[in-house]
């Protein structure tokens, strides 16, 4: 599945601070589901000081 397309289904705040790094259709005991993996780039948003954290 196209990762850029998945960004349209999640809140802007989520995709602004996390990268979608993968997706897969999985089988669970209640049926198929879509698993989306997010990775935090570990970078402070603009305007925050690294010394405070």
PDB file of N, CA and C in Angstrom:
ATOM      1  N   UNK A   1       0.848  -1.184   0.000  1.00  0.00           N
ATOM      2  CA  UNK A   1       0.000   0.000   0.000  1.00  0.00           C
ATOM      3  C   UNK A   1       0.889   1.240   0.000  1.00  0.00           C
ATOM      4  N   UNK A   2       0.463   2.249  -0.720  1.00  0.00           N
ATOM      5  CA  UNK A   2       1.230   3.480  -0.824  1.00  0.00           C
ATOM      6  C   UNK A   2       1.240   4.212   0.519  1.00  0.00           C
ATOM      7  N   UNK A   3       2.437   4.466   1.065  1.00  0.00           N
ATOM      8  CA  UNK A   3       2.552   5.085   2.384  1.00  0.00           C
ATOM      9  C   UNK A   3       2.044   6.522   2.392  1.00  0.00           C
ATOM     10  N   UNK A   4       2.249   7.255   1.314  1.00  0.00           N
ATOM     11  CA  UNK A   4       1.755   8.636   1.243  1.00  0.00           C
ATOM     12  C   UNK A   4       0.234   8.683   1.300  1.00  0.00           C
ATOM     13  N   UNK A   5      -0.420   7.720   0.714  1.00  0.00           N
ATOM     14  CA  UNK A   5      -1.876   7.652   0.740  1.00  0.00           C
ATOM     15  C   UNK A   5      -2.389   7.407   2.155  1.00  0.00           C
ATOM     16  N   UNK A   6      -1.662   6.618   2.932  1.00  0.00           N
ATOM     17  CA  UNK A   6      -2.080   6.339   4.313  1.00  0.00           C
ATOM     18  C   UNK A   6      -2.119   7.598   5.173  1.00  0.00           C
ATOM     19  N   UNK A   7      -1.264   8.574   4.867  1.00  0.00           N
ATOM     20  CA  UNK A   7      -1.232   9.817   5.639  1.00  0.00           C
ATOM     21  C   UNK A   7      -2.578  10.540   5.635  1.00  0.00           C
ATOM     22  N   UNK A   8      -3.374  10.319   4.618  1.00  0.00           N
ATOM     23  CA  UNK A   8      -4.673  10.986   4.513  1.00  0.00           C
ATOM     24  C   UNK A   8      -5.678  10.470   5.536  1.00  0.00           C
ATOM     25  N   UNK A   9      -5.432   9.303   6.104  1.00  0.00           N
ATOM     26  CA  UNK A   9      -6.375   8.693   7.035  1.00  0.00           C
ATOM     27  C   UNK A   9      -6.058   8.981   8.499  1.00  0.00           C
ATOM     28  N   UNK A  10      -4.958   9.670   8.764  1.00  0.00           N
ATOM     29  CA  UNK A  10      -4.547   9.947  10.138  1.00  0.00           C
ATOM     30  C   UNK A  10      -4.534  11.455  10.381  1.00  0.00           C
ATOM     31  N   UNK A  11      -4.663  11.876  11.648  1.00  0.00           N
ATOM     32  CA  UNK A  11      -4.653  13.313  11.960  1.00  0.00           C
ATOM     33  C   UNK A  11      -3.341  13.977  11.527  1.00  0.00           C
ATOM     34  N   UNK A  12      -3.438  15.234  11.114  1.00  0.00           N
ATOM     35  CA  UNK A  12      -2.265  15.983  10.653  1.00  0.00           C
ATOM     36  C   UNK A  12      -1.176  16.043  11.719  1.00  0.00           C
ATOM     37  N   UNK A  13      -1.566  16.182  12.984  1.00  0.00           N
ATOM     38  CA  UNK A  13      -0.598  16.271  14.070  1.00  0.00           C
ATOM     39  C   UNK A  13       0.225  14.993  14.186  1.00  0.00           C
ATOM     40  N   UNK A  14      -0.400  13.861  13.933  1.00  0.00           N
ATOM     41  CA  UNK A  14       0.296  12.577  14.021  1.00  0.00           C
ATOM     42  C   UNK A  14       1.332  12.442  12.910  1.00  0.00           C
ATOM     43  N   UNK A  15       0.930  12.691  11.679  1.00  0.00           N
ATOM     44  CA  UNK A  15       1.861  12.527  10.558  1.00  0.00           C
ATOM     45  C   UNK A  15       2.889  13.652  10.488  1.00  0.00           C
ATOM     46  N   UNK A  16       2.650  14.768  11.191  1.00  0.00           N
ATOM     47  CA  UNK A  16       3.635  15.847  11.234  1.00  0.00           C
ATOM     48  C   UNK A  16       4.819  15.475  12.120  1.00  0.00           C
ATOM     49  N   UNK A  17       4.596  14.640  13.130  1.00  0.00           N
ATOM     50  CA  UNK A  17       5.650  14.320  14.094  1.00  0.00           C
ATOM     51  C   UNK A  17       6.133  12.872  14.018  1.00  0.00           C
ATOM     52  N   UNK A  18       5.464  12.032  13.249  1.00  0.00           N
ATOM     53  CA  UNK A  18       5.858  10.630  13.112  1.00  0.00           C
ATOM     54  C   UNK A  18       5.893  10.264  11.632  1.00  0.00           C
ATOM     55  N   UNK A  19       6.804   9.387  11.266  1.00  0.00           N
ATOM     56  CA  UNK A  19       6.905   8.897   9.890  1.00  0.00           C
ATOM     57  C   UNK A  19       6.216   7.539   9.791  1.00  0.00           C
ATOM     58  N   UNK A  20       5.460   7.329   8.727  1.00  0.00           N
ATOM     59  CA  UNK A  20       4.877   6.008   8.474  1.00  0.00           C
ATOM     60  C   UNK A  20       5.971   5.194   7.782  1.00  0.00           C
ATOM     61  N   UNK A  21       6.397   4.117   8.441  1.00  0.00           N
ATOM     62  CA  UNK A  21       7.528   3.346   7.928  1.00  0.00           C
ATOM     63  C   UNK A  21       7.124   1.998   7.341  1.00  0.00           C
ATOM     64  N   UNK A  22       5.865   1.640   7.459  1.00  0.00           N
ATOM     65  CA  UNK A  22       5.448   0.380   6.870  1.00  0.00           C
ATOM     66  C   UNK A  22       3.980   0.109   7.115  1.00  0.00           C
ATOM     67  N   UNK A  23       3.467  -0.823   6.356  1.00  0.00           N
ATOM     68  CA  UNK A  23       2.086  -1.251   6.547  1.00  0.00           C
ATOM     69  C   UNK A  23       1.957  -2.675   6.031  1.00  0.00           C
ATOM     70  N   UNK A  24       0.987  -3.389   6.588  1.00  0.00           N
ATOM     71  CA  UNK A  24       0.753  -4.769   6.159  1.00  0.00           C
ATOM     72  C   UNK A  24      -0.669  -5.160   6.517  1.00  0.00           C
ATOM     73  N   UNK A  25      -1.240  -6.010   5.710  1.00  0.00           N
ATOM     74  CA  UNK A  25      -2.549  -6.583   6.029  1.00  0.00           C
ATOM     75  C   UNK A  25      -2.284  -7.866   6.804  1.00  0.00           C
ATOM     76  N   UNK A  26      -2.822  -7.937   8.008  1.00  0.00           N
ATOM     77  CA  UNK A  26      -2.589  -9.068   8.908  1.00  0.00           C
ATOM     78  C   UNK A  26      -3.892  -9.822   9.127  1.00  0.00           C
ATOM     79  N   UNK A  27      -3.759 -11.047   9.592  1.00  0.00           N
ATOM     80  CA  UNK A  27      -4.931 -11.846   9.936  1.00  0.00           C
ATOM     81  C   UNK A  27      -4.978 -12.019  11.445  1.00  0.00           C
ATOM     82  N   UNK A  28      -6.110 -11.650  12.023  1.00  0.00           N
ATOM     83  CA  UNK A  28      -6.332 -11.826  13.438  1.00  0.00           C
ATOM     84  C   UNK A  28      -7.473 -12.802  13.667  1.00  0.00           C
ATOM     85  N   UNK A  29      -7.768 -13.038  14.920  1.00  0.00           N
ATOM     86  CA  UNK A  29      -8.827 -14.010  15.201  1.00  0.00           C
ATOM     87  C   UNK A  29     -10.213 -13.481  14.845  1.00  0.00           C
ATOM     88  N   UNK A  30     -10.345 -12.160  14.637  1.00  0.00           N
ATOM     89  CA  UNK A  30     -11.631 -11.582  14.257  1.00  0.00           C
ATOM     90  C   UNK A  30     -11.652 -11.148  12.786  1.00  0.00           C
ATOM     91  N   UNK A  31     -10.631 -11.528  12.028  1.00  0.00           N
ATOM     92  CA  UNK A  31     -10.587 -11.181  10.613  1.00  0.00           C
ATOM     93  C   UNK A  31      -9.331 -10.414  10.250  1.00  0.00           C
ATOM     94  N   UNK A  32      -9.291  -9.927   9.028  1.00  0.00           N
ATOM     95  CA  UNK A  32      -8.136  -9.186   8.538  1.00  0.00           C
ATOM     96  C   UNK A  32      -8.142  -7.757   9.080  1.00  0.00           C
ATOM     97  N   UNK A  33      -6.939  -7.201   9.259  1.00  0.00           N
ATOM     98  CA  UNK A  33      -6.816  -5.810   9.685  1.00  0.00           C
ATOM     99  C   UNK A  33      -5.561  -5.212   9.079  1.00  0.00           C
ATOM    100  N   UNK A  34      -5.518  -3.899   9.026  1.00  0.00           N
ATOM    101  CA  UNK A  34      -4.373  -3.181   8.480  1.00  0.00           C
ATOM    102  C   UNK A  34      -3.492  -2.719   9.634  1.00  0.00           C
ATOM    103  N   UNK A  35      -2.232  -3.113   9.610  1.00  0.00           N
ATOM    104  CA  UNK A  35      -1.259  -2.669  10.606  1.00  0.00           C
ATOM    105  C   UNK A  35      -0.406  -1.582   9.976  1.00  0.00           C
ATOM    106  N   UNK A  36      -0.317  -0.434  10.644  1.00  0.00           N
ATOM    107  CA  UNK A  36       0.494   0.680  10.165  1.00  0.00           C
ATOM    108  C   UNK A  36       1.557   0.956  11.211  1.00  0.00           C
ATOM    109  N   UNK A  37       2.814   1.010  10.780  1.00  0.00           N
ATOM    110  CA  UNK A  37       3.925   1.251  11.700  1.00  0.00           C
ATOM    111  C   UNK A  37       4.392   2.698  11.579  1.00  0.00           C
ATOM    112  N   UNK A  38       4.491   3.358  12.731  1.00  0.00           N
ATOM    113  CA  UNK A  38       4.976   4.732  12.813  1.00  0.00           C
ATOM    114  C   UNK A  38       6.334   4.735  13.511  1.00  0.00           C
ATOM    115  N   UNK A  39       7.208   5.628  13.080  1.00  0.00           N
ATOM    116  CA  UNK A  39       8.505   5.795  13.712  1.00  0.00           C
ATOM    117  C   UNK A  39       8.666   7.264  14.085  1.00  0.00           C
ATOM    118  N   UNK A  40       9.124   7.480  15.313  1.00  0.00           N
ATOM    119  CA  UNK A  40       9.387   8.844  15.762  1.00  0.00           C
ATOM    120  C   UNK A  40      10.800   9.233  15.348  1.00  0.00           C
ATOM    121  N   UNK A  41      10.974  10.332  14.611  1.00  0.00           N
ATOM    122  CA  UNK A  41      12.314  10.706  14.168  1.00  0.00           C
ATOM    123  C   UNK A  41      13.192  11.251  15.301  1.00  0.00           C
ATOM    124  N   UNK A  42      12.625  11.430  16.489  1.00  0.00           N
ATOM    125  CA  UNK A  42      13.372  11.886  17.666  1.00  0.00           C
ATOM    126  C   UNK A  42      13.983  13.265  17.455  1.00  0.00           C
ATOM    127  N   UNK A  43      13.200  14.152  16.872  1.00  0.00           N
ATOM    128  CA  UNK A  43      13.613  15.531  16.662  1.00  0.00           C
ATOM    129  C   UNK A  43      12.584  16.436  17.322  1.00  0.00           C
ATOM    130  N   UNK A  44      13.067  17.427  18.057  1.00  0.00           N
ATOM    131  CA  UNK A  44      12.150  18.367  18.700  1.00  0.00           C
ATOM    132  C   UNK A  44      11.513  19.274  17.654  1.00  0.00           C
ATOM    133  N   UNK A  45      10.221  19.563  17.824  1.00  0.00           N
ATOM    134  CA  UNK A  45       9.582  20.511  16.907  1.00  0.00           C
ATOM    135  C   UNK A  45      10.217  21.877  17.018  1.00  0.00           C
ATOM    136  N   UNK A  46      10.074  22.661  15.981  1.00  0.00           N
ATOM    137  CA  UNK A  46      10.644  23.997  15.947  1.00  0.00           C
ATOM    138  C   UNK A  46      10.101  24.832  17.104  1.00  0.00           C
ATOM    139  N   UNK A  47      10.967  25.570  17.759  1.00  0.00           N
ATOM    140  CA  UNK A  47      10.551  26.416  18.870  1.00  0.00           C
ATOM    141  C   UNK A  47      10.813  25.817  20.235  1.00  0.00           C
ATOM    142  N   UNK A  48      11.282  24.551  20.312  1.00  0.00           N
ATOM    143  CA  UNK A  48      11.586  23.913  21.575  1.00  0.00           C
ATOM    144  C   UNK A  48      13.103  23.823  21.752  1.00  0.00           C
ATOM    145  N   UNK A  49      13.557  24.043  22.945  1.00  0.00           N
ATOM    146  CA  UNK A  49      15.000  23.977  23.224  1.00  0.00           C
ATOM    147  C   UNK A  49      15.372  22.577  23.684  1.00  0.00           C
ATOM    148  N   UNK A  50      16.447  22.042  23.114  1.00  0.00           N
ATOM    149  CA  UNK A  50      16.896  20.699  23.509  1.00  0.00           C
ATOM    150  C   UNK A  50      17.438  20.692  24.935  1.00  0.00           C
ATOM    151  N   UNK A  51      17.827  21.844  25.454  1.00  0.00           N
ATOM    152  CA  UNK A  51      18.352  21.935  26.813  1.00  0.00           C
ATOM    153  C   UNK A  51      17.265  21.691  27.856  1.00  0.00           C
ATOM    154  N   UNK A  52      16.015  21.938  27.504  1.00  0.00           N
ATOM    155  CA  UNK A  52      14.892  21.726  28.427  1.00  0.00           C
ATOM    156  C   UNK A  52      14.522  20.249  28.551  1.00  0.00           C
ATOM    157  N   UNK A  53      14.974  19.442  27.596  1.00  0.00           N
ATOM    158  CA  UNK A  53      14.612  18.031  27.575  1.00  0.00           C
ATOM    159  C   UNK A  53      15.830  17.213  27.727  1.00  0.00           C
TER     160      UNK A  53
END
